[in-house]
Amino acid sequence: MEQTKALPPPAERLALPPPPSAPEPEPPARRRRWLGRLILLAALGAGGGAIWHYWPQLSAKFSGQPTQGGPGGPGGRGRFGGGLAVPVTVAPAALRDLPVMLDALGTVQALNTITVRSQVDGILVEVAFTEGQEVRRGDVLARIDQRTYAAALAQAEAKLAQDQAVLANSRLDLQRYVDLSRSNGASRQQLDTQRALVAQNEAQLQADQAAIDTARTQLDFTTIRSPVDGRVGLRQVDQGNLVRSGDATGLVVVTQVDPISVLFTLPQQDLPRIVTAMREGPVQVLVVAADGSTRATGTLLTPDNQVDQTTGTIKLKATFPNPNRDLWPGAFVNVRMLVATIRQATTIPLVAVQRGPDGPYAFVLKADNTVEQRPIATGFINATDAVVTRGIQPDERVVTSGALRLNAGAEVQVIEPVVPAYVPPTRTRRQGGPGGRGGDGAGRGAPNAGAASGEAPRGPRGAAPGDIRPSGPPAAGTAGQRPAAASPAGAP
């Protein structure tokens, strides 16, 4: 009897795979850990902002300097609060003559630029100049083979001699016909024909003379001379080459650089001012170097006869004496032109002029070391100074730096402006050691590295130019000051 296979229990036969489970909820401990980290980051940010805000007071307390005024006192009226007077620099308003200068970018242009070309064809047998040589008008620059042109001249002169002999013979025949006509030995027609032949031979002599002049001119063209006083450039053709009168490149370029011209453009709004200045006399034009020094002084020659409609500018030309070759053709230069002078104007430094919703104003220093925010009216303004027509009197002192931290009535402390001395960079060889502080010890992390290089100490981030904030003593073990215990034993 066959044995039947046992069936699994009903519970196992009906079991189905479990449905996908939902993600387990994040444990409360992990959420608390992330929340703690966020709170820690927020606390660190708030602490850093507080330290930055109250750093002047803390620095003054650590350095032993007394604070001037308390919060809400006279010393606390700065724009950023605090109990210290705001350090500023000041400058007095001056009563002086202010020149009205117009600045532009110009291009130096040679007074004459000549491309020397050959007027005849031939072999270049001699180059008589040195590249870059100063030449005078009429100096020989090059010579072309002249043998064919000399032969043509000799041929023309021989033709002239031949026609002169023919003319002499025709004149003798004319005299004979005149004598024969008196005795009726020659007809009237023969006499007139001989006279016409003499006139024809005389005209032939004139043609021969013109041919001689042409041949002599062609022969003279074989010697190439400088047309002006100037300076030759680089040679375009070498000796031995065949040159032709139709060559576009030419032999060399001669430029007249003394005197020399400068072309520049100005806005059309300045044209009335320029015309008025030219009506009063010669207008002075300066070429200014990058450091502000004057390289050359010249006069305005003329403005162009029309305004460029595409740019709204007017082109002007000035001439300059150039004996020392300070100006070079093709170079870009800074041009400054004097068009007027404002007499006895009240001027202040341009950096003292502030802009507000009600117009320009300036902070004026009062006798009690506080500032007054005073509205002003300005006139002509140049790159460094501004003419004040209303609001400031001569000899009043205005704030030139530190104004961003001021408001009306703020207490200030006048300091001298710091001008860092220029020290040319020196190249030092790095030797072995931590941080590369070999050689003269000017590596990274060396204390007072900025002071040793002549660089002014930098204030906190965001400080205005000229502001000086006291700094607290560095903490032990910070970068730039190694603890004594870290030095190797026996080190000097």
Protein backbone atom coordinates (compact mmCIF):
# COMPACT_ATOMS: atom_id res chain seq x y z
CA MET A 1 0.00 0.00 0.00
CA GLU A 2 1.44 3.27 -1.12
CA GLN A 3 2.27 5.79 1.57
CA THR A 4 0.65 9.20 1.10
CA LYS A 5 2.75 12.32 1.54
CA ALA A 6 1.81 14.33 4.62
CA LEU A 7 0.41 17.76 3.91
CA PRO A 8 1.70 20.82 5.80
CA PRO A 9 -0.48 22.29 8.50
CA PRO A 10 -3.21 24.63 7.28
CA ALA A 11 -1.54 27.58 8.92
CA GLU A 12 1.62 27.10 6.88
CA ARG A 13 -0.31 26.55 3.62
CA LEU A 14 -2.24 29.79 3.96
CA ALA A 15 0.73 31.98 5.13
CA LEU A 16 1.40 34.95 2.82
CA PRO A 17 4.53 37.19 2.64
CA PRO A 18 4.30 40.12 5.07
CA PRO A 19 3.35 43.53 3.59
CA PRO A 20 6.10 46.18 3.28
CA SER A 21 6.54 47.88 6.56
CA ALA A 22 6.49 51.67 6.98
CA PRO A 23 9.84 53.39 7.83
CA GLU A 24 10.59 53.21 11.43
CA PRO A 25 10.28 56.56 13.19
CA GLU A 26 13.56 58.31 13.97
CA PRO A 27 14.61 57.64 17.51
CA PRO A 28 14.08 60.58 19.84
CA ALA A 29 17.75 60.48 20.83
CA ARG A 30 18.91 61.24 17.23
CA ARG A 31 16.47 64.16 16.91
CA ARG A 32 17.69 65.60 20.17
CA ARG A 33 21.29 65.26 18.97
CA TRP A 34 20.60 67.26 15.75
CA LEU A 35 18.65 69.87 17.69
CA GLY A 36 21.56 70.28 20.07
CA ARG A 37 23.95 70.81 17.19
CA LEU A 38 21.75 73.54 15.66
CA ILE A 39 21.46 75.30 19.00
CA LEU A 40 25.24 75.12 19.43
CA LEU A 41 25.84 76.64 15.96
CA ALA A 42 23.37 79.46 16.69
CA ALA A 43 25.05 80.17 20.03
CA LEU A 44 28.49 80.28 18.39
CA GLY A 45 27.24 82.73 15.73
CA ALA A 46 25.63 84.99 18.32
CA GLY A 47 28.76 84.91 20.46
CA GLY A 48 30.99 85.81 17.50
CA GLY A 49 28.74 88.75 16.58
CA ALA A 50 28.76 90.01 20.15
CA ILE A 51 32.54 89.77 20.36
CA TRP A 52 32.92 91.68 17.08
CA HIS A 53 30.46 94.37 18.20
CA TYR A 54 31.97 94.91 21.66
CA TRP A 55 35.60 94.35 20.68
CA PRO A 56 36.61 98.06 21.02
CA GLN A 57 35.32 98.20 24.63
CA LEU A 58 36.92 94.87 25.53
CA SER A 59 40.21 95.88 23.94
CA ALA A 60 40.25 99.18 25.78
CA LYS A 61 39.52 97.39 29.07
CA PHE A 62 42.30 94.84 28.57
CA SER A 63 44.83 97.47 27.49
CA GLY A 64 44.04 99.73 30.46
CA GLN A 65 42.73 102.68 28.37
CA PRO A 66 39.77 104.53 29.89
CA THR A 67 36.63 104.75 27.84
CA GLN A 68 35.20 108.15 26.94
CA GLY A 69 31.58 108.32 27.93
CA GLY A 70 29.16 105.54 28.54
CA PRO A 71 26.30 104.17 26.54
CA GLY A 72 24.02 107.10 25.99
CA GLY A 73 26.73 109.60 26.95
CA PRO A 74 28.56 111.87 24.56
CA GLY A 75 30.93 109.11 23.53
CA GLY A 76 28.11 106.77 22.60
CA ARG A 77 26.64 108.83 19.81
CA GLY A 78 28.53 107.09 17.00
CA ARG A 79 26.60 105.38 14.27
CA PHE A 80 27.70 101.95 15.50
CA GLY A 81 27.38 102.72 19.22
CA GLY A 82 30.09 102.01 21.74
CA GLY A 83 31.72 104.22 24.33
CA LEU A 84 34.81 105.33 22.36
CA ALA A 85 35.20 108.45 20.28
CA VAL A 86 35.33 107.67 16.59
CA PRO A 87 38.81 108.18 15.13
CA VAL A 88 38.70 110.43 12.03
CA THR A 89 40.99 112.52 9.89
CA VAL A 90 40.11 116.09 9.01
CA ALA A 91 41.20 118.76 6.54
CA PRO A 92 40.51 122.52 6.53
CA ALA A 93 38.48 124.26 3.88
CA ALA A 94 40.81 126.47 1.85
CA LEU A 95 40.26 129.68 -0.08
CA ARG A 96 42.37 129.46 -3.24
CA ASP A 97 42.41 129.59 -7.01
CA LEU A 98 41.29 126.30 -8.51
CA PRO A 99 42.26 125.47 -12.11
CA VAL A 100 39.54 123.92 -14.24
CA MET A 101 41.20 121.00 -16.02
CA LEU A 102 39.67 118.67 -18.59
CA ASP A 103 41.15 115.17 -18.67
CA ALA A 104 41.16 112.92 -21.70
CA LEU A 105 42.96 109.96 -23.24
CA GLY A 106 44.98 110.91 -26.32
CA THR A 107 47.10 109.34 -29.01
CA VAL A 108 50.49 110.69 -30.00
CA GLN A 109 50.76 111.36 -33.71
CA ALA A 110 53.81 112.41 -35.70
CA LEU A 111 53.57 115.84 -37.29
CA ASN A 112 54.49 114.27 -40.66
CA THR A 113 54.67 110.58 -41.55
CA ILE A 114 56.20 109.79 -44.95
CA THR A 115 56.56 106.37 -46.52
CA VAL A 116 59.64 106.70 -48.74
CA ARG A 117 59.08 104.87 -52.04
CA SER A 118 61.14 104.55 -55.17
CA GLN A 119 59.95 106.60 -58.17
CA VAL A 120 61.92 104.51 -60.68
CA ASP A 121 62.57 100.82 -61.21
CA GLY A 122 65.97 99.30 -60.59
CA ILE A 123 68.29 97.39 -58.31
CA LEU A 124 68.83 98.85 -54.83
CA VAL A 125 72.61 99.20 -54.76
CA GLU A 126 73.05 101.17 -51.51
CA VAL A 127 71.22 101.75 -48.24
CA ALA A 128 72.71 104.92 -46.77
CA PHE A 129 70.87 105.08 -43.43
CA THR A 130 70.86 103.24 -40.13
CA GLU A 131 67.57 102.12 -38.66
CA GLY A 132 66.45 104.62 -36.04
CA GLN A 133 68.74 107.36 -37.35
CA GLU A 134 67.87 111.03 -37.06
CA VAL A 135 68.02 112.56 -40.55
CA ARG A 136 67.77 116.04 -41.99
CA ARG A 137 65.84 117.09 -45.04
CA GLY A 138 67.83 116.19 -48.18
CA ASP A 139 70.01 113.51 -46.59
CA VAL A 140 70.63 110.52 -48.85
CA LEU A 141 68.72 107.43 -47.76
CA ALA A 142 69.33 104.98 -50.64
CA ARG A 143 70.63 104.70 -54.21
CA ILE A 144 69.31 102.71 -57.17
CA ASP A 145 71.36 101.49 -60.13
CA GLN A 146 71.51 104.54 -62.42
CA ARG A 147 73.31 103.22 -65.47
CA THR A 148 70.26 102.89 -67.70
CA TYR A 149 69.01 106.33 -66.68
CA ALA A 150 72.41 107.90 -67.30
CA ALA A 151 72.45 106.34 -70.77
CA ALA A 152 68.97 107.70 -71.47
CA LEU A 153 70.17 111.17 -70.50
CA ALA A 154 73.19 110.91 -72.79
CA GLN A 155 70.94 109.80 -75.64
CA ALA A 156 68.66 112.78 -75.15
CA GLU A 157 71.60 115.17 -75.08
CA ALA A 158 72.96 113.66 -78.34
CA LYS A 159 69.58 114.07 -80.01
CA LEU A 160 69.61 117.72 -78.98
CA ALA A 161 73.04 118.24 -80.53
CA GLN A 162 71.87 116.60 -83.78
CA ASP A 163 68.80 118.78 -84.02
CA GLN A 164 70.86 121.89 -83.27
CA ALA A 165 73.02 121.13 -86.33
CA VAL A 166 69.94 120.62 -88.51
CA LEU A 167 68.53 123.93 -87.28
CA ALA A 168 71.75 125.77 -88.10
CA ASN A 169 71.74 124.36 -91.66
CA SER A 170 68.08 125.28 -92.18
CA ARG A 171 68.78 128.83 -91.04
CA LEU A 172 71.61 129.15 -93.61
CA ASP A 173 69.30 127.88 -96.34
CA LEU A 174 66.70 130.42 -95.28
CA GLN A 175 69.24 133.23 -95.62
CA ARG A 176 70.13 132.08 -99.13
CA TYR A 177 66.49 132.00 -100.17
CA VAL A 178 66.04 135.51 -98.82
CA ASP A 179 68.98 136.79 -100.90
CA LEU A 180 67.74 134.99 -104.06
CA SER A 181 64.24 136.33 -103.64
CA ARG A 182 65.54 139.89 -103.85
CA SER A 183 66.89 139.20 -107.38
CA ASN A 184 63.95 136.98 -108.26
CA GLY A 185 66.21 133.91 -108.11
CA ALA A 186 63.80 132.05 -105.77
CA SER A 187 60.06 131.90 -105.70
CA ARG A 188 57.95 133.11 -102.86
CA GLN A 189 56.80 129.56 -102.12
CA GLN A 190 60.34 128.26 -101.63
CA LEU A 191 61.07 131.10 -99.21
CA ASP A 192 57.98 130.36 -97.10
CA THR A 193 58.73 126.62 -97.06
CA GLN A 194 62.23 127.25 -95.76
CA ARG A 195 60.95 129.54 -93.02
CA ALA A 196 58.53 126.81 -91.88
CA LEU A 197 61.37 124.29 -91.82
CA VAL A 198 63.43 126.56 -89.57
CA ALA A 199 60.50 126.94 -87.15
CA GLN A 200 60.02 123.17 -87.15
CA ASN A 201 63.66 122.59 -86.24
CA GLU A 202 63.46 125.17 -83.47
CA ALA A 203 60.45 123.32 -81.97
CA GLN A 204 62.37 120.08 -82.21
CA LEU A 205 65.10 121.61 -80.08
CA GLN A 206 62.55 122.43 -77.38
CA ALA A 207 61.30 118.83 -77.41
CA ASP A 208 64.86 117.59 -77.12
CA GLN A 209 65.43 119.87 -74.14
CA ALA A 210 62.27 118.52 -72.46
CA ALA A 211 63.51 114.97 -73.04
CA ILE A 212 66.82 115.88 -71.45
CA ASP A 213 65.05 117.33 -68.41
CA THR A 214 62.96 114.17 -68.08
CA ALA A 215 65.99 111.92 -68.32
CA ARG A 216 67.86 114.06 -65.80
CA THR A 217 64.91 113.87 -63.41
CA GLN A 218 64.73 110.10 -63.76
CA LEU A 219 68.45 109.93 -63.09
CA ASP A 220 68.02 112.10 -59.98
CA PHE A 221 65.27 109.75 -58.74
CA THR A 222 67.86 107.00 -58.43
CA THR A 223 69.21 108.85 -55.38
CA ILE A 224 66.50 108.73 -52.67
CA ARG A 225 66.62 111.57 -50.11
CA SER A 226 64.72 112.34 -46.91
CA PRO A 227 61.82 114.73 -47.53
CA VAL A 228 61.69 116.10 -43.94
CA ASP A 229 63.66 116.31 -40.74
CA GLY A 230 62.79 113.27 -38.69
CA ARG A 231 63.60 109.77 -37.62
CA VAL A 232 63.77 106.75 -39.90
CA GLY A 233 62.12 103.51 -38.89
CA LEU A 234 62.92 99.91 -39.71
CA ARG A 235 64.20 99.07 -43.20
CA GLN A 236 61.59 97.41 -45.40
CA VAL A 237 63.82 96.42 -48.35
CA ASP A 238 67.37 95.09 -48.23
CA GLN A 239 70.20 96.05 -50.52
CA GLY A 240 70.31 94.08 -53.81
CA ASN A 241 66.53 93.77 -54.24
CA LEU A 242 64.68 95.00 -57.30
CA VAL A 243 62.47 97.93 -56.36
CA ARG A 244 59.66 99.33 -58.47
CA SER A 245 57.79 102.58 -58.43
CA GLY A 246 54.53 100.76 -57.74
CA ASP A 247 55.68 99.02 -54.55
CA ALA A 248 53.22 99.73 -51.71
CA THR A 249 55.51 98.94 -48.78
CA GLY A 250 58.23 101.43 -49.66
CA LEU A 251 61.81 101.46 -48.48
CA VAL A 252 61.41 103.05 -45.04
CA VAL A 253 59.07 105.32 -43.06
CA VAL A 254 60.30 108.73 -41.88
CA THR A 255 58.39 110.43 -39.05
CA GLN A 256 58.78 114.03 -37.95
CA VAL A 257 58.70 113.89 -34.15
CA ASP A 258 59.77 117.42 -33.22
CA PRO A 259 57.34 119.08 -32.90
CA ILE A 260 54.79 116.33 -32.38
CA SER A 261 50.99 116.19 -32.15
CA VAL A 262 48.51 114.60 -29.76
CA LEU A 263 44.94 113.78 -30.78
CA PHE A 264 42.27 113.41 -28.08
CA THR A 265 38.51 113.63 -27.71
CA LEU A 266 36.24 115.37 -25.23
CA PRO A 267 32.44 115.40 -24.75
CA GLN A 268 30.62 117.95 -26.84
CA GLN A 269 29.37 119.61 -23.63
CA ASP A 270 32.91 120.92 -23.06
CA LEU A 271 33.09 122.62 -26.47
CA PRO A 272 31.73 126.05 -25.34
CA ARG A 273 34.28 126.11 -22.53
CA ILE A 274 37.09 125.28 -24.97
CA VAL A 275 36.03 127.92 -27.51
CA THR A 276 35.87 130.55 -24.75
CA ALA A 277 39.35 129.62 -23.56
CA MET A 278 40.76 129.80 -27.11
CA ARG A 279 39.19 133.23 -27.54
CA GLU A 280 41.11 134.48 -24.51
CA GLY A 281 44.50 133.20 -25.71
CA PRO A 282 46.58 130.06 -26.22
CA VAL A 283 45.18 127.07 -24.33
CA GLN A 284 47.73 125.06 -22.37
CA VAL A 285 47.68 121.27 -22.75
CA LEU A 286 49.68 118.89 -20.55
CA VAL A 287 50.70 115.29 -21.03
CA VAL A 288 50.56 113.66 -17.59
CA ALA A 289 52.48 110.55 -16.58
CA ALA A 290 51.00 107.72 -14.51
CA ASP A 291 52.48 109.15 -11.29
CA GLY A 292 50.90 112.57 -11.92
CA SER A 293 54.04 114.32 -13.12
CA THR A 294 54.03 116.43 -16.28
CA ARG A 295 55.82 114.83 -19.21
CA ALA A 296 55.28 117.55 -21.82
CA THR A 297 53.64 120.96 -22.15
CA GLY A 298 52.08 122.18 -25.37
CA THR A 299 49.26 124.28 -26.81
CA LEU A 300 45.91 123.44 -28.32
CA LEU A 301 46.06 123.75 -32.11
CA THR A 302 42.40 123.42 -33.01
CA PRO A 303 39.25 121.38 -32.44
CA ASP A 304 37.75 119.49 -35.34
CA ASN A 305 35.22 121.27 -37.52
CA GLN A 306 32.38 118.93 -36.54
CA VAL A 307 31.14 116.75 -33.69
CA ASP A 308 31.10 113.00 -34.12
CA GLN A 309 27.39 112.20 -34.16
CA THR A 310 27.85 108.54 -33.24
CA THR A 311 29.71 109.26 -29.97
CA GLY A 312 28.82 112.88 -29.19
CA THR A 313 32.48 113.83 -28.84
CA ILE A 314 34.71 116.43 -30.44
CA LYS A 315 38.23 115.65 -31.64
CA LEU A 316 41.03 118.07 -30.73
CA LYS A 317 44.68 118.38 -31.76
CA ALA A 318 47.54 119.82 -29.71
CA THR A 319 51.20 120.32 -30.61
CA PHE A 320 54.16 119.76 -28.30
CA PRO A 321 57.88 120.49 -28.59
CA ASN A 322 59.67 117.16 -28.38
CA PRO A 323 63.44 117.70 -28.33
CA ASN A 324 64.09 114.89 -25.84
CA ARG A 325 61.74 112.44 -27.56
CA ASP A 326 59.56 112.13 -24.48
CA LEU A 327 56.54 111.51 -26.71
CA TRP A 328 56.51 108.67 -29.22
CA PRO A 329 54.15 108.32 -32.20
CA GLY A 330 51.33 105.86 -31.63
CA ALA A 331 51.54 105.88 -27.82
CA PHE A 332 48.50 106.45 -25.59
CA VAL A 333 48.88 109.34 -23.14
CA ASN A 334 46.83 111.08 -20.47
CA VAL A 335 45.99 114.63 -21.55
CA ARG A 336 45.01 117.46 -19.21
CA MET A 337 43.87 120.79 -20.63
CA LEU A 338 43.51 124.03 -18.67
CA VAL A 339 40.38 125.88 -19.81
CA ALA A 340 39.70 128.25 -16.88
CA THR A 341 40.68 129.20 -13.34
CA ILE A 342 38.13 129.77 -10.56
CA ARG A 343 39.44 132.64 -8.46
CA GLN A 344 39.21 132.63 -4.64
CA ALA A 345 37.00 129.55 -4.35
CA THR A 346 36.26 127.71 -1.12
CA THR A 347 37.50 124.16 -1.68
CA ILE A 348 37.42 120.97 0.38
CA PRO A 349 38.77 117.49 -0.40
CA LEU A 350 36.39 115.51 -2.56
CA VAL A 351 36.39 112.61 -0.06
CA ALA A 352 34.74 114.92 2.48
CA VAL A 353 31.61 115.30 0.34
CA GLN A 354 28.91 112.80 1.33
CA ARG A 355 25.68 112.05 -0.50
CA GLY A 356 22.29 111.75 1.14
CA PRO A 357 18.61 111.80 0.21
CA ASP A 358 18.56 115.60 0.65
CA GLY A 359 21.68 116.21 -1.39
CA PRO A 360 25.38 116.57 -0.59
CA TYR A 361 26.57 117.21 2.95
CA ALA A 362 29.76 117.16 4.99
CA PHE A 363 30.68 116.49 8.61
CA VAL A 364 32.16 119.67 10.08
CA LEU A 365 34.32 119.41 13.20
CA LYS A 366 33.21 121.65 16.09
CA ALA A 367 35.26 123.02 18.96
CA ASP A 368 34.03 120.36 21.42
CA ASN A 369 35.30 117.48 19.21
CA THR A 370 31.85 116.66 17.94
CA VAL A 371 30.72 116.79 14.33
CA GLU A 372 27.88 118.63 12.64
CA GLN A 373 26.18 117.15 9.62
CA ARG A 374 25.88 120.22 7.43
CA PRO A 375 24.22 120.35 3.99
CA ILE A 376 26.36 122.02 1.32
CA ALA A 377 26.12 123.16 -2.29
CA THR A 378 28.95 122.16 -4.61
CA GLY A 379 30.18 123.71 -7.83
CA PHE A 380 33.05 122.48 -9.97
CA ILE A 381 34.46 119.10 -8.94
CA ASN A 382 37.70 117.54 -10.10
CA ALA A 383 39.45 114.32 -9.15
CA THR A 384 40.63 115.55 -5.72
CA ASP A 385 38.80 118.77 -4.75
CA ALA A 386 35.30 120.19 -4.75
CA VAL A 387 34.25 123.83 -4.83
CA VAL A 388 31.72 124.62 -2.06
CA THR A 389 29.43 127.51 -2.95
CA ARG A 390 27.30 127.37 0.20
CA GLY A 391 27.47 125.75 3.63
CA ILE A 392 31.15 125.89 4.62
CA GLN A 393 33.40 128.81 5.41
CA PRO A 394 37.17 128.91 4.90
CA ASP A 395 39.30 127.38 7.67
CA GLU A 396 36.46 125.15 8.91
CA ARG A 397 37.60 121.56 9.26
CA VAL A 398 35.73 118.73 7.57
CA VAL A 399 36.00 114.98 8.10
CA THR A 400 37.88 113.22 5.29
CA SER A 401 37.88 109.62 6.59
CA GLY A 402 35.78 107.72 9.11
CA ALA A 403 32.54 109.40 8.02
CA LEU A 404 30.74 106.08 7.58
CA ARG A 405 30.72 105.64 11.37
CA LEU A 406 29.39 109.11 12.15
CA ASN A 407 26.08 110.80 12.58
CA ALA A 408 25.08 114.27 13.72
CA GLY A 409 26.61 115.12 17.11
CA ALA A 410 28.94 112.13 17.29
CA GLU A 411 32.13 112.57 19.33
CA VAL A 412 35.33 112.07 17.37
CA GLN A 413 39.04 111.84 17.95
CA VAL A 414 41.23 113.55 15.34
CA ILE A 415 44.19 111.43 14.27
CA GLU A 416 46.89 111.89 11.70
CA PRO A 417 46.36 110.03 8.43
CA VAL A 418 48.57 106.97 8.08
CA VAL A 419 50.55 106.85 4.84
CA PRO A 420 52.29 103.47 4.55
CA ALA A 421 55.87 103.73 3.37
CA TYR A 422 56.68 101.89 0.18
CA VAL A 423 59.20 99.13 0.72
CA PRO A 424 60.37 97.28 -2.39
CA PRO A 425 59.75 93.54 -2.06
CA THR A 426 62.79 91.46 -1.21
CA ARG A 427 63.22 87.86 -2.17
CA THR A 428 64.34 85.62 0.69
CA ARG A 429 65.39 82.00 0.54
CA ARG A 430 63.32 79.68 2.68
CA GLN A 431 65.25 77.31 4.89
CA GLY A 432 64.12 74.30 6.80
CA GLY A 433 62.00 74.73 9.89
CA PRO A 434 58.40 74.84 10.97
CA GLY A 435 56.32 77.14 8.81
CA GLY A 436 59.28 77.98 6.57
CA ARG A 437 60.62 80.60 9.01
CA GLY A 438 64.21 80.31 7.87
CA GLY A 439 66.50 83.09 6.72
CA ASP A 440 65.46 86.40 8.21
CA GLY A 441 62.47 84.92 10.06
CA ALA A 442 59.93 86.55 7.75
CA GLY A 443 57.96 83.35 7.18
CA ARG A 444 54.34 82.79 7.93
CA GLY A 445 53.41 83.18 11.53
CA ALA A 446 56.38 85.43 12.41
CA PRO A 447 55.33 88.09 14.91
CA ASN A 448 55.11 91.68 13.66
CA ALA A 449 55.59 90.55 10.07
CA GLY A 450 53.47 93.43 8.78
CA ALA A 451 55.40 96.00 10.79
CA ALA A 452 58.74 94.68 9.57
CA SER A 453 57.69 95.11 5.92
CA GLY A 454 56.51 98.69 6.40
CA GLU A 455 52.83 97.78 6.06
CA ALA A 456 50.34 99.63 8.23
CA PRO A 457 48.52 97.42 10.73
CA ARG A 458 45.11 96.35 9.61
CA GLY A 459 42.04 96.99 11.73
CA PRO A 460 39.05 94.72 12.20
CA ARG A 461 37.00 93.66 9.27
CA GLY A 462 34.75 96.41 7.94
CA ALA A 463 36.80 99.32 9.37
CA ALA A 464 36.73 102.48 7.26
CA PRO A 465 40.00 103.84 5.76
CA GLY A 466 41.92 105.75 8.35
CA ASP A 467 40.10 104.12 11.29
CA ILE A 468 42.28 102.71 14.04
CA ARG A 469 40.90 100.28 16.61
CA PRO A 470 42.93 99.12 19.57
CA SER A 471 43.62 95.44 19.65
CA GLY A 472 43.82 93.26 22.75
CA PRO A 473 46.82 91.18 23.77
CA PRO A 474 47.16 87.92 21.85
CA ALA A 475 46.34 84.79 23.74
CA ALA A 476 49.15 82.48 24.68
CA GLY A 477 49.86 79.78 22.20
CA THR A 478 48.19 81.56 19.30
CA ALA A 479 49.72 81.78 15.86
CA GLY A 480 52.52 84.29 15.76
CA GLN A 481 53.70 83.64 19.37
CA ARG A 482 55.13 80.23 20.22
CA PRO A 483 55.18 79.21 23.91
CA ALA A 484 58.63 78.87 25.41
CA ALA A 485 57.92 75.27 26.41
CA ALA A 486 57.60 74.29 22.74
CA SER A 487 61.25 75.23 21.97
CA PRO A 488 63.70 72.34 21.71
CA ALA A 489 66.07 71.87 24.60
CA GLY A 490 69.27 73.79 24.23
CA ALA A 491 67.89 76.03 21.44
CA PRO A 492 69.07 79.65 21.60
